[in-house]
Amino acid sequence: MQSSSMGLLLAYPNNIAGGSGSISNKEFAHYLNIAHRSVFENANILVVLERRKYISDTELNDYLEELDKLARKLTNFRKYLLK
């Protein structure tokens, strides 16, 4: 579980990094959309970890709050690029 969790945690920053080399804003926005979906995948993994008692309810809520902020930033950046 640990190695697959690490892969998920790296998915969204890797998509942003990959997209930063795009030749157009539209292409970069596509990578940001993939990164946005990765944030939701991470949220799902956190819920599973909480249900299995690997993290507390408080930790889950803190992490989900941070992921929500990140998702909003990605959405706003994507909208900016597509103007």
Protein backbone atom coordinates (compact mmCIF):
# COMPACT_ATOMS: atom_id res chain seq x y z
CA MET A 1 0.00 0.00 0.00
CA GLN A 2 2.82 2.39 0.78
CA SER A 3 4.37 2.44 -2.69
CA SER A 4 1.00 2.83 -4.43
CA SER A 5 0.08 5.65 -2.03
CA MET A 6 3.34 7.42 -2.84
CA GLY A 7 2.55 7.12 -6.53
CA LEU A 8 -0.84 8.74 -5.99
CA LEU A 9 0.67 11.52 -3.91
CA LEU A 10 3.08 12.31 -6.71
CA ALA A 11 0.51 12.11 -9.49
CA TYR A 12 -0.80 15.67 -9.34
CA PRO A 13 2.55 17.48 -9.05
CA ASN A 14 3.95 15.27 -11.82
CA ASN A 15 1.04 16.22 -14.08
CA ILE A 16 1.61 19.90 -13.38
CA ALA A 17 5.33 19.51 -14.10
CA GLY A 18 4.61 17.61 -17.28
CA GLY A 19 2.10 20.19 -18.40
CA SER A 20 4.45 23.08 -17.74
CA GLY A 21 6.40 22.03 -20.81
CA SER A 22 3.32 22.32 -23.00
CA ILE A 23 3.42 24.40 -26.14
CA SER A 24 0.04 25.99 -25.53
CA ASN A 25 -2.15 27.12 -22.65
CA LYS A 26 -4.86 24.73 -23.83
CA GLU A 27 -2.50 21.77 -23.57
CA PHE A 28 -1.26 22.89 -20.14
CA ALA A 29 -4.87 23.26 -18.99
CA HIS A 30 -5.42 19.63 -20.01
CA TYR A 31 -2.61 18.54 -17.67
CA LEU A 32 -4.07 20.68 -14.90
CA ASN A 33 -7.38 18.88 -15.39
CA ILE A 34 -5.61 15.54 -14.96
CA ALA A 35 -3.88 16.90 -11.84
CA HIS A 36 -7.29 18.02 -10.54
CA ARG A 37 -8.64 14.49 -10.91
CA SER A 38 -5.57 13.15 -9.11
CA VAL A 39 -6.44 15.35 -6.14
CA PHE A 40 -9.81 13.59 -5.93
CA GLU A 41 -8.10 10.21 -6.12
CA ASN A 42 -5.92 11.25 -3.20
CA ALA A 43 -9.01 12.28 -1.25
CA ASN A 44 -10.51 8.85 -1.83
CA ILE A 45 -7.34 7.11 -0.62
CA LEU A 46 -7.40 9.25 2.53
CA VAL A 47 -10.98 8.20 3.25
CA VAL A 48 -9.93 4.56 2.91
CA LEU A 49 -6.97 5.14 5.22
CA GLU A 50 -9.25 6.72 7.81
CA ARG A 51 -11.74 3.85 7.61
CA ARG A 52 -8.91 1.39 8.13
CA LYS A 53 -7.74 3.46 11.12
CA TYR A 54 -4.36 4.45 9.62
CA ILE A 55 -5.23 8.11 10.14
CA SER A 56 -7.62 9.82 12.52
CA ASP A 57 -10.84 11.58 11.62
CA THR A 58 -9.18 14.89 12.49
CA GLU A 59 -6.24 14.15 10.18
CA LEU A 60 -8.64 13.16 7.42
CA ASN A 61 -10.53 16.43 7.71
CA ASP A 62 -7.30 18.45 7.74
CA TYR A 63 -5.99 16.68 4.66
CA LEU A 64 -9.32 16.97 2.84
CA GLU A 65 -9.42 20.69 3.58
CA GLU A 66 -5.95 21.13 2.07
CA LEU A 67 -6.88 19.03 -0.97
CA ASP A 68 -10.00 21.15 -1.44
CA LYS A 69 -7.86 24.30 -1.46
CA LEU A 70 -5.50 22.70 -3.97
CA ALA A 71 -8.39 21.62 -6.21
CA ARG A 72 -9.75 25.18 -6.20
CA LYS A 73 -6.35 26.61 -7.11
CA LEU A 74 -5.98 24.16 -9.97
CA THR A 75 -9.45 25.04 -11.23
CA ASN A 76 -8.77 28.77 -11.06
CA PHE A 77 -5.39 28.43 -12.78
CA ARG A 78 -6.98 26.31 -15.53
CA LYS A 79 -9.72 28.92 -16.06
CA TYR A 80 -7.06 31.64 -16.25
CA LEU A 81 -5.13 29.73 -18.90
CA LEU A 82 -8.23 29.20 -21.02
CA LYS A 83 -9.27 32.89 -21.09
